[in-house]
Protein backbone atom coordinates (compact mmCIF):
# COMPACT_ATOMS: atom_id res chain seq x y z
CA MET A 1 -20.76 40.34 -80.19
CA ASP A 2 -19.55 38.24 -77.13
CA ASN A 3 -16.19 38.55 -76.60
CA ASP A 4 -15.93 35.16 -74.33
CA LYS A 5 -12.29 34.86 -73.73
CA LYS A 6 -9.40 33.78 -70.50
CA GLY A 7 -8.06 36.45 -68.80
CA LEU A 8 -4.30 37.21 -69.61
CA LEU A 9 -1.42 37.28 -67.43
CA PHE A 10 0.57 40.50 -67.24
CA VAL A 11 3.85 40.16 -65.48
CA ILE A 12 5.49 43.32 -64.69
CA SER A 13 8.87 43.73 -62.70
CA GLY A 14 11.93 45.40 -62.36
CA PRO A 15 14.32 46.16 -60.04
CA SER A 16 13.44 47.22 -56.23
CA GLY A 17 13.12 51.39 -56.20
CA VAL A 18 12.25 51.59 -59.96
CA GLY A 19 8.52 52.08 -59.20
CA LYS A 20 6.75 48.97 -60.02
CA GLY A 21 4.46 49.03 -57.03
CA THR A 22 3.66 52.38 -57.71
CA ILE A 23 2.78 51.79 -61.55
CA CYS A 24 0.15 48.59 -60.34
CA LYS A 25 -1.28 50.88 -57.76
CA LYS A 26 -2.48 53.46 -60.24
CA LEU A 27 -2.92 50.82 -63.32
CA LEU A 28 -5.35 48.63 -60.53
CA GLU A 29 -7.31 52.20 -59.70
CA ARG A 30 -7.98 53.71 -63.22
CA ARG A 31 -8.82 49.67 -64.95
CA LYS A 32 -11.51 48.18 -62.65
CA GLU A 33 -11.50 44.77 -64.62
CA LEU A 34 -7.47 44.08 -63.50
CA LYS A 35 -6.99 42.12 -60.11
CA LEU A 36 -3.84 42.22 -58.05
CA SER A 37 -2.19 38.42 -57.70
CA VAL A 38 -1.37 38.63 -53.58
CA SER A 39 1.82 37.53 -53.09
CA VAL A 40 2.70 34.86 -49.99
CA THR A 41 5.22 35.56 -47.57
CA THR A 42 7.33 34.53 -44.74
CA ARG A 43 8.59 38.04 -43.15
CA ALA A 44 6.83 39.75 -40.76
CA PRO A 45 3.78 42.30 -41.41
CA ARG A 46 4.94 46.20 -41.87
CA PRO A 47 3.22 49.24 -40.50
CA GLY A 48 -0.11 49.15 -42.49
CA GLU A 49 0.14 46.00 -44.50
CA ILE A 50 -2.95 43.97 -44.03
CA GLU A 51 -3.20 40.05 -44.52
CA GLY A 52 -4.63 39.21 -48.08
CA VAL A 53 -4.34 42.42 -49.57
CA ASN A 54 -0.29 43.43 -49.55
CA TYR A 55 0.07 39.73 -48.73
CA PHE A 56 -0.42 36.23 -47.27
CA PHE A 57 1.83 35.96 -44.25
CA ARG A 58 2.79 32.44 -43.24
CA SER A 59 5.65 31.38 -41.27
CA GLU A 60 8.08 29.12 -42.87
CA GLU A 61 6.75 26.18 -42.24
CA GLN A 62 3.48 27.05 -43.69
CA PHE A 63 5.46 27.66 -46.82
CA GLN A 64 7.61 25.02 -46.59
CA ASP A 65 4.31 22.95 -47.20
CA MET A 66 3.16 25.29 -50.21
CA ILE A 67 5.61 24.29 -52.34
CA ALA A 68 6.09 20.33 -51.12
CA ARG A 69 1.60 20.53 -52.60
CA ASP A 70 2.87 22.26 -55.43
CA GLU A 71 1.15 25.97 -54.60
CA PHE A 72 3.19 28.21 -56.41
CA LEU A 73 3.75 29.55 -59.46
CA GLU A 74 7.04 30.98 -58.61
CA TYR A 75 8.56 31.24 -55.33
CA MET A 76 12.46 32.29 -53.69
CA CYS A 77 14.34 33.12 -50.95
CA VAL A 78 15.28 37.29 -50.97
CA PHE A 79 18.54 38.18 -49.31
CA GLY A 80 18.98 34.21 -47.66
CA LYS A 81 15.81 35.61 -45.29
CA ASN A 82 12.67 35.48 -46.70
CA HIS A 83 10.45 33.64 -48.85
CA TYR A 84 7.78 34.86 -51.32
CA GLY A 85 5.81 33.36 -53.81
CA THR A 86 2.93 33.83 -56.27
CA PRO A 87 -0.25 31.36 -55.57
CA LYS A 88 -1.19 29.71 -58.18
CA ALA A 89 -4.91 29.42 -57.73
CA TYR A 90 -5.71 32.67 -57.20
CA VAL A 91 -4.33 33.80 -60.76
CA ALA A 92 -5.44 30.66 -62.24
CA GLU A 93 -9.74 30.85 -61.22
CA GLN A 94 -9.02 34.82 -62.03
CA ARG A 95 -8.29 33.98 -65.39
CA ALA A 96 -11.22 31.31 -66.02
CA GLN A 97 -13.05 33.84 -64.61
CA GLY A 98 -12.02 35.83 -68.18
CA ASN A 99 -10.15 39.00 -65.68
CA ASP A 100 -7.44 40.03 -66.34
CA VAL A 101 -4.19 39.16 -63.56
CA ILE A 102 -1.26 42.07 -62.60
CA LEU A 103 1.16 39.83 -61.14
CA GLU A 104 4.23 42.34 -59.64
CA ILE A 105 7.59 40.84 -58.44
CA ASP A 106 11.36 40.60 -59.36
CA VAL A 107 13.16 39.69 -62.42
CA ASN A 108 14.00 35.65 -60.76
CA GLY A 109 10.28 35.42 -60.07
CA ALA A 110 9.16 36.74 -63.39
CA LEU A 111 11.49 34.85 -65.40
CA ASN A 112 10.11 31.56 -63.54
CA VAL A 113 6.62 32.49 -64.21
CA LYS A 114 6.87 32.83 -67.79
CA LYS A 115 8.63 29.66 -67.79
CA ARG A 116 5.72 28.11 -65.93
CA CYS A 117 3.01 30.33 -68.01
CA PRO A 118 4.57 30.86 -71.16
CA ASP A 119 1.03 32.92 -72.21
CA ALA A 120 1.74 35.22 -69.58
CA VAL A 121 2.49 39.42 -71.16
CA MET A 122 5.75 40.03 -69.91
CA ILE A 123 6.43 43.81 -68.71
CA PHE A 124 10.54 45.27 -67.52
CA ILE A 125 9.84 48.59 -65.70
CA ALA A 126 13.56 50.52 -66.14
CA PRO A 127 14.52 53.29 -64.49
CA PRO A 128 16.11 56.40 -66.41
CA SER A 129 19.31 55.22 -65.08
CA MET A 130 21.14 54.25 -62.61
CA GLU A 131 21.63 57.50 -60.58
CA THR A 132 17.98 57.87 -60.00
CA LEU A 133 17.47 54.26 -59.19
CA LYS A 134 20.36 54.69 -56.45
CA LYS A 135 18.39 57.91 -55.14
CA ARG A 136 14.98 56.79 -55.06
CA LEU A 137 16.55 53.20 -53.73
CA VAL A 138 17.72 56.40 -50.25
CA GLY A 139 14.87 58.28 -50.61
CA ARG A 140 12.74 54.95 -49.50
CA GLY A 141 13.95 55.40 -46.03
CA THR A 142 12.80 52.10 -45.24
CA GLU A 143 16.25 50.25 -45.28
CA THR A 144 19.86 50.27 -43.91
CA GLU A 145 22.71 51.91 -45.82
CA GLU A 146 24.67 48.13 -46.64
CA ALA A 147 20.51 46.84 -47.15
CA VAL A 148 20.33 49.79 -49.93
CA GLU A 149 23.88 49.07 -51.85
CA ARG A 150 23.07 45.13 -51.89
CA ARG A 151 19.33 45.86 -53.69
CA PHE A 152 21.53 47.88 -56.13
CA ALA A 153 23.97 45.89 -56.89
CA GLU A 154 20.83 43.19 -57.59
CA ALA A 155 19.95 45.64 -59.80
CA VAL A 156 22.90 46.34 -62.16
CA LYS A 157 22.39 42.08 -63.03
CA GLU A 158 18.54 42.44 -63.04
CA LEU A 159 18.58 45.04 -65.35
CA ALA A 160 20.52 42.94 -67.73
CA ALA A 161 17.74 40.64 -68.18
CA ALA A 162 15.34 43.09 -69.66
CA GLY A 163 15.70 41.28 -73.09
CA GLU A 164 13.62 38.25 -71.67
CA TYR A 165 10.90 40.57 -71.75
CA ASP A 166 8.22 41.60 -74.48
CA TYR A 167 7.92 45.25 -73.02
CA ILE A 168 10.11 47.61 -71.40
CA VAL A 169 8.44 51.00 -70.19
CA VAL A 170 11.27 53.52 -68.60
CA ASN A 171 10.23 55.05 -65.23
CA ASP A 172 10.97 58.50 -65.72
CA SER A 173 7.89 60.28 -65.56
CA LEU A 174 5.30 58.06 -63.62
CA ASP A 175 2.31 59.82 -65.18
CA LYS A 176 3.84 58.49 -68.83
CA ALA A 177 4.81 55.07 -67.65
CA VAL A 178 1.55 54.55 -66.22
CA LYS A 179 0.06 55.18 -69.48
CA ASP A 180 3.03 53.36 -71.59
CA THR A 181 1.78 50.41 -68.92
CA GLU A 182 -1.71 50.78 -69.91
CA SER A 183 -1.25 50.77 -73.61
CA ILE A 184 0.21 47.24 -73.22
CA LEU A 185 -3.11 46.22 -71.17
CA VAL A 186 -5.17 47.43 -74.34
CA SER A 187 -3.05 45.94 -77.06
CA GLU A 188 -2.70 42.61 -75.64
CA ARG A 189 -6.35 42.55 -74.91
CA LEU A 190 -7.09 43.89 -78.63
CA HIS A 191 -4.96 41.19 -79.95
CA VAL A 192 -6.38 38.28 -82.86
CA SER A 193 -4.78 35.32 -81.00
CA ASN A 194 -6.53 36.68 -77.39
CA ASN A 195 -9.95 36.74 -78.74
CA PRO A 196 -11.00 33.45 -80.83
CA LYS A 197 -14.54 33.75 -80.33
CA LEU A 198 -15.32 36.51 -82.25
CA ILE A 199 -12.68 36.18 -84.94
CA ASN A 200 -14.41 32.75 -85.19
CA ILE A 201 -18.31 34.72 -85.11
CA LEU A 202 -16.31 36.97 -87.47
CA LYS A 203 -15.93 34.14 -89.63
CA GLY A 204 -19.53 33.13 -89.49
CA GLU A 205 -19.37 29.86 -87.22
């Protein structure tokens, strides 16, 4: 049977240090049909980051031009410094082709996407404890102590938004968190509401 259907948009988010990026990477390795939405940012590339793979790196002026042209699903300024945004065109194009898209963003961005894309599947990645989250933030070794404290304070606020999501996955064991998240992707793809053409075929229409 021909299962022709529109691709789904999976929004995976949670506080900094919770491991959402690692989970997304594993999912993309396991499920080749998934596409990762690449964000636009005004911050400078970090060592090893590649244009068009990790981010689309743009100047502040270029970013503001994109805002004026309404080219973002969501965008925000992080800690009053750098802008980040999700380009609409890529997501729409991939979904129209039947591909599922993963969008890995912070909580504020995720809630903005939900407003513009009500059919997005919202998945919240939570830490097993705040103590564990703090250790992960420190363990990354990429930021100053002040920056870590700022991200931790923001994480406390973000955890309060978990109830706005469709699913919640606790990242205690990475393997289990990946499997749990993957099961959500599979279940949503099999949902009756996401298979209208197949339902019509079964009804003889």
